[in-house]
């Protein structure tokens, strides 16, 4: 059962969200097709499997995969992402403006507030995102 459900162990959890969801969905379908649910229940895992299915469904809803009528294309996620990036840029600007080289405490605070962003690394491959540049002011 383990070999059928996890031939590459948990590597699928490192995929992009929608691909990860699809891989998990495939594994849940394999559980049904091979009637592994009965074996899982014998091992005392019926409640865990039920919770996994519920969580998987909710994850699909959150990604816009299983919600009917919701735009699940990347363009449907563009506006919330742009809003987040706008807020993130504002946060960084305000924090960076707080730093005063003459005041070591302000530099320490700034470094502390920006540390999570310095450590953060994307799990997704880099994708070129078009940057909206403001139009020059009319003269």
Protein backbone atom coordinates (compact mmCIF):
# COMPACT_ATOMS: atom_id res chain seq x y z
CA UNK A 1 0.00 0.00 0.00
CA UNK A 2 2.81 2.42 0.89
CA UNK A 3 4.62 1.77 -2.40
CA UNK A 4 1.46 2.36 -4.42
CA UNK A 5 0.47 5.56 -2.61
CA UNK A 6 3.94 7.05 -2.10
CA UNK A 7 6.26 5.80 -4.86
CA UNK A 8 8.35 8.98 -4.52
CA UNK A 9 7.71 9.34 -0.79
CA UNK A 10 6.44 12.85 -0.05
CA UNK A 11 8.18 14.66 -2.90
CA UNK A 12 4.80 15.71 -4.28
CA UNK A 13 4.45 18.06 -1.31
CA UNK A 14 7.23 20.17 -2.82
CA UNK A 15 5.27 20.88 -6.00
CA UNK A 16 3.36 24.06 -6.77
CA UNK A 17 0.09 24.16 -4.83
CA UNK A 18 -2.28 23.08 -7.59
CA UNK A 19 0.02 20.29 -8.75
CA UNK A 20 0.41 19.16 -5.15
CA UNK A 21 -3.36 19.09 -4.76
CA UNK A 22 -3.71 17.06 -7.97
CA UNK A 23 -1.12 14.54 -6.76
CA UNK A 24 -2.91 14.19 -3.42
CA UNK A 25 -6.21 13.77 -5.28
CA UNK A 26 -4.65 11.00 -7.37
CA UNK A 27 -3.53 9.22 -4.21
CA UNK A 28 -7.00 9.47 -2.69
CA UNK A 29 -8.43 8.00 -5.90
CA UNK A 30 -5.90 5.14 -5.67
CA UNK A 31 -7.10 4.44 -2.13
CA UNK A 32 -10.63 4.04 -3.50
CA UNK A 33 -9.62 2.05 -6.59
CA UNK A 34 -7.43 -0.43 -4.71
CA UNK A 35 -9.87 -0.58 -1.77
CA UNK A 36 -7.14 0.52 0.63
CA UNK A 37 -9.79 2.25 2.76
CA UNK A 38 -10.72 -1.11 4.28
CA UNK A 39 -7.07 -1.84 5.14
CA UNK A 40 -6.63 1.65 6.56
CA UNK A 41 -9.76 1.15 8.69
CA UNK A 42 -8.40 -2.18 9.97
CA UNK A 43 -5.27 -0.31 11.07
CA UNK A 44 -7.44 2.19 12.96
CA UNK A 45 -7.08 4.97 10.41
CA UNK A 46 -10.69 5.43 9.26
CA UNK A 47 -11.10 8.75 11.09
CA UNK A 48 -7.73 9.96 9.82
CA UNK A 49 -8.69 9.11 6.24
CA UNK A 50 -12.04 10.89 6.66
CA UNK A 51 -10.27 13.96 8.04
CA UNK A 52 -7.74 13.82 5.19
CA UNK A 53 -10.54 13.78 2.61
CA UNK A 54 -12.31 16.72 4.30
CA UNK A 55 -9.08 18.70 4.53
CA UNK A 56 -8.21 17.89 0.92
CA UNK A 57 -11.62 19.15 -0.20
CA UNK A 58 -11.18 22.37 1.82
CA UNK A 59 -7.69 22.84 0.36
CA UNK A 60 -9.13 22.44 -3.13
CA UNK A 61 -11.79 25.02 -2.30
CA UNK A 62 -9.14 27.43 -1.01
CA UNK A 63 -7.13 26.99 -4.20
CA UNK A 64 -10.25 27.49 -6.31
CA UNK A 65 -10.01 24.00 -7.78
CA UNK A 66 -13.14 22.43 -6.33
CA UNK A 67 -15.34 25.53 -6.05
CA UNK A 68 -17.72 25.71 -8.97
CA UNK A 69 -17.93 29.06 -10.69
CA UNK A 70 -14.72 30.38 -9.14
CA UNK A 71 -11.88 31.48 -11.38
CA UNK A 72 -9.07 29.00 -10.69
CA UNK A 73 -6.68 30.31 -13.29
CA UNK A 74 -3.55 32.13 -12.23
CA UNK A 75 -5.11 35.36 -13.51
CA UNK A 76 -7.87 34.88 -10.92
CA UNK A 77 -5.20 35.02 -8.24
CA UNK A 78 -3.41 38.01 -9.72
CA UNK A 79 -5.42 40.74 -7.96
CA UNK A 80 -5.03 39.32 -4.41
CA UNK A 81 -1.33 38.77 -5.09
CA UNK A 82 -0.89 42.33 -6.37
CA UNK A 83 -2.67 43.66 -3.27
CA UNK A 84 -0.40 41.61 -1.02
CA UNK A 85 2.71 42.81 -2.85
CA UNK A 86 1.54 46.42 -2.54
CA UNK A 87 1.15 46.01 1.23
CA UNK A 88 4.49 44.24 1.50
CA UNK A 89 6.27 47.02 -0.39
CA UNK A 90 4.67 49.61 1.90
CA UNK A 91 5.75 47.67 4.98
CA UNK A 92 9.34 47.40 3.75
CA UNK A 93 9.43 51.08 2.84
CA UNK A 94 8.16 52.20 6.27
CA UNK A 95 10.50 49.87 8.15
CA UNK A 96 13.52 50.83 6.04
CA UNK A 97 12.75 54.54 6.48
CA UNK A 98 12.86 54.01 10.24
CA UNK A 99 16.55 53.06 10.18
CA UNK A 100 18.90 55.83 11.24
CA UNK A 101 22.58 54.94 10.98
CA UNK A 102 23.32 57.38 13.82
CA UNK A 103 21.00 55.39 16.10
CA UNK A 104 22.16 51.75 16.46
CA UNK A 105 18.88 50.78 18.16
CA UNK A 106 16.85 51.85 15.13
CA UNK A 107 19.14 49.85 12.83
CA UNK A 108 18.81 46.81 15.10
CA UNK A 109 15.01 47.14 15.10
CA UNK A 110 14.92 47.52 11.32
CA UNK A 111 17.13 44.47 10.82
CA UNK A 112 14.93 42.50 13.20
CA UNK A 113 11.71 43.47 11.43
CA UNK A 114 13.11 42.64 7.99
CA UNK A 115 14.87 39.41 9.05
CA UNK A 116 11.98 37.08 8.08
CA UNK A 117 11.99 38.55 4.57
CA UNK A 118 15.75 38.12 4.29
CA UNK A 119 15.49 34.45 5.30
CA UNK A 120 12.46 33.61 3.18
CA UNK A 121 13.00 31.44 0.12
CA UNK A 122 10.36 30.52 -2.39
CA UNK A 123 9.63 26.85 -2.98
CA UNK A 124 8.13 27.64 -6.35
CA UNK A 125 10.29 28.17 -9.42
CA UNK A 126 10.91 31.79 -10.28
CA UNK A 127 8.37 33.15 -12.73
CA UNK A 128 8.75 36.42 -14.53
CA UNK A 129 5.97 38.68 -13.33
CA UNK A 130 5.15 41.78 -15.33
CA UNK A 131 5.75 44.87 -13.26
CA UNK A 132 3.33 47.72 -13.60
CA UNK A 133 5.26 50.94 -13.93
CA UNK A 134 3.40 54.17 -13.26
CA UNK A 135 2.91 56.51 -16.15
CA UNK A 136 5.12 59.58 -16.10
CA UNK A 137 3.29 62.66 -14.84
CA UNK A 138 1.74 64.83 -17.50
CA UNK A 139 3.51 68.13 -17.94
